[in-house]
C-alpha atoms as a PDB file:
ATOM      1  CA  MET A   1     -57.479  35.227 219.501  1.00  0.00           C
ATOM      2  CA  SER A   2     -57.113  32.545 222.167  1.00  0.00           C
ATOM      3  CA  GLU A   3     -55.479  32.740 225.424  1.00  0.00           C
ATOM      4  CA  GLU A   4     -53.946  36.311 225.027  1.00  0.00           C
ATOM      5  CA  GLN A   5     -51.752  35.465 221.713  1.00  0.00           C
ATOM      6  CA  THR A   6     -49.637  38.451 220.589  1.00  0.00           C
ATOM      7  CA  ILE A   7     -49.080  39.167 217.107  1.00  0.00           C
ATOM      8  CA  VAL A   8     -45.169  39.214 216.342  1.00  0.00           C
ATOM      9  CA  PRO A   9     -43.883  41.144 213.470  1.00  0.00           C
ATOM     10  CA  GLU A  10     -42.617  38.740 210.668  1.00  0.00           C
ATOM     11  CA  SER A  11     -39.158  40.311 210.473  1.00  0.00           C
ATOM     12  CA  SER A  12     -38.622  39.254 214.472  1.00  0.00           C
ATOM     13  CA  ARG A  13     -39.959  35.846 213.357  1.00  0.00           C
ATOM     14  CA  MET A  14     -37.165  35.498 210.839  1.00  0.00           C
ATOM     15  CA  GLU A  15     -34.466  36.954 213.053  1.00  0.00           C
ATOM     16  CA  PHE A  16     -35.512  34.507 215.647  1.00  0.00           C
ATOM     17  CA  ARG A  17     -35.509  31.300 213.078  1.00  0.00           C
ATOM     18  CA  THR A  18     -32.160  32.537 211.648  1.00  0.00           C
ATOM     19  CA  ARG A  19     -30.559  32.951 215.168  1.00  0.00           C
ATOM     20  CA  VAL A  20     -31.853  29.526 216.412  1.00  0.00           C
ATOM     21  CA  LEU A  21     -30.697  27.905 213.020  1.00  0.00           C
ATOM     22  CA  VAL A  22     -27.177  29.243 213.399  1.00  0.00           C
ATOM     23  CA  ILE A  23     -26.652  28.761 216.846  1.00  0.00           C
ATOM     24  CA  GLY A  24     -28.178  25.115 216.508  1.00  0.00           C
ATOM     25  CA  GLY A  25     -25.977  24.364 213.577  1.00  0.00           C
ATOM     26  CA  ILE A  26     -22.880  25.780 215.240  1.00  0.00           C
ATOM     27  CA  ILE A  27     -23.506  23.387 218.578  1.00  0.00           C
ATOM     28  CA  GLY A  28     -24.232  20.466 216.557  1.00  0.00           C
ATOM     29  CA  SER A  29     -20.969  20.806 214.416  1.00  0.00           C
ATOM     30  CA  VAL A  30     -18.725  21.313 217.523  1.00  0.00           C
ATOM     31  CA  LEU A  31     -20.466  18.566 219.211  1.00  0.00           C
ATOM     32  CA  GLY A  32     -20.041  16.391 216.429  1.00  0.00           C
ATOM     33  CA  ILE A  33     -16.232  17.316 215.992  1.00  0.00           C
ATOM     34  CA  VAL A  34     -15.756  16.812 219.880  1.00  0.00           C
ATOM     35  CA  SER A  35     -17.262  13.466 219.636  1.00  0.00           C
ATOM     36  CA  ALA A  36     -14.923  12.301 216.657  1.00  0.00           C
ATOM     37  CA  ILE A  37     -12.043  13.544 218.344  1.00  0.00           C
ATOM     38  CA  LEU A  38     -12.939  11.671 221.661  1.00  0.00           C
ATOM     39  CA  TYR A  39     -13.809   8.460 219.628  1.00  0.00           C
ATOM     40  CA  LEU A  40     -10.349   8.829 217.810  1.00  0.00           C
ATOM     41  CA  ARG A  41      -8.586   9.346 221.134  1.00  0.00           C
ATOM     42  CA  ALA A  42     -10.138   6.214 222.824  1.00  0.00           C
ATOM     43  CA  ALA A  43      -9.670   4.178 219.773  1.00  0.00           C
ATOM     44  CA  GLU A  44      -5.844   4.971 219.679  1.00  0.00           C
ATOM     45  CA  GLU A  45      -5.443   4.440 223.406  1.00  0.00           C
ATOM     46  CA  ALA A  46      -7.306   1.059 223.385  1.00  0.00           C
ATOM     47  CA  HIS A  47      -5.825  -0.432 219.877  1.00  0.00           C
ATOM     48  CA  GLY A  48      -2.796   1.777 218.816  1.00  0.00           C
ATOM     49  CA  ASP A  49      -2.228   1.976 215.330  1.00  0.00           C
ATOM     50  CA  ASP A  50      -4.514  -0.910 214.581  1.00  0.00           C
ATOM     51  CA  VAL A  51      -7.991   0.066 213.080  1.00  0.00           C
ATOM     52  CA  PRO A  52     -10.911  -0.835 215.732  1.00  0.00           C
ATOM     53  CA  SER A  53     -13.833  -3.017 214.457  1.00  0.00           C
ATOM     54  CA  THR A  54     -16.630  -1.013 213.536  1.00  0.00           C
ATOM     55  CA  PRO A  55     -19.613  -0.846 216.194  1.00  0.00           C
ATOM     56  CA  GLU A  56     -22.244  -3.511 216.482  1.00  0.00           C
ATOM     57  CA  PRO A  57     -25.768  -2.595 214.974  1.00  0.00           C
ATOM     58  CA  ARG A  58     -27.126  -2.913 218.358  1.00  0.00           C
ATOM     59  CA  ASP A  59     -24.745  -0.408 219.665  1.00  0.00           C
ATOM     60  CA  ALA A  60     -25.680   1.947 216.964  1.00  0.00           C
ATOM     61  CA  MET A  61     -29.460   1.461 217.603  1.00  0.00           C
ATOM     62  CA  LYS A  62     -28.614   2.402 221.266  1.00  0.00           C
ATOM     63  CA  LEU A  63     -26.865   5.516 220.098  1.00  0.00           C
ATOM     64  CA  GLY A  64     -29.854   6.503 217.850  1.00  0.00           C
ATOM     65  CA  VAL A  65     -32.166   5.812 220.387  1.00  0.00           C
ATOM     66  CA  ALA A  66     -30.417   8.144 222.841  1.00  0.00           C
ATOM     67  CA  LEU A  67     -30.031  10.875 220.148  1.00  0.00           C
ATOM     68  CA  LEU A  68     -33.876  10.532 219.503  1.00  0.00           C
ATOM     69  CA  ALA A  69     -34.244  11.247 223.206  1.00  0.00           C
ATOM     70  CA  ILE A  70     -32.158  14.360 223.163  1.00  0.00           C
ATOM     71  CA  ILE A  71     -34.015  15.587 220.045  1.00  0.00           C
ATOM     72  CA  ARG A  72     -37.222  14.916 221.827  1.00  0.00           C
ATOM     73  CA  ASN A  73     -36.230  17.013 224.793  1.00  0.00           C
ATOM     74  CA  ILE A  74     -35.200  19.897 222.425  1.00  0.00           C
ATOM     75  CA  ILE A  75     -38.536  19.859 220.780  1.00  0.00           C
ATOM     76  CA  ASP A  76     -40.553  19.835 224.244  1.00  0.00           C
ATOM     77  CA  TRP A  77     -38.268  22.982 224.948  1.00  0.00           C
ATOM     78  CA  GLY A  78     -39.807  24.602 222.003  1.00  0.00           C
ATOM     79  CA  ARG A  79     -43.592  24.070 223.133  1.00  0.00           C
ATOM     80  CA  LYS A  80     -42.777  25.603 226.684  1.00  0.00           C
END
């Protein structure tokens, strides 16, 4: 084995995976709901009862790039 690798029991690995997936899912869900609430609040303040226009494609692209950067940082944490 290279660089002092330790053998981790399979059950520990599965517990870790399960814990990470559950916590990540909960955090993602909460952030999604909070984001939607904040979006609705801002839209109501700006437009009242009128439905706001849909976001421009370039704005959606900016958001997508920002989200990819966040995901990339999360992946880098896993590599440390």
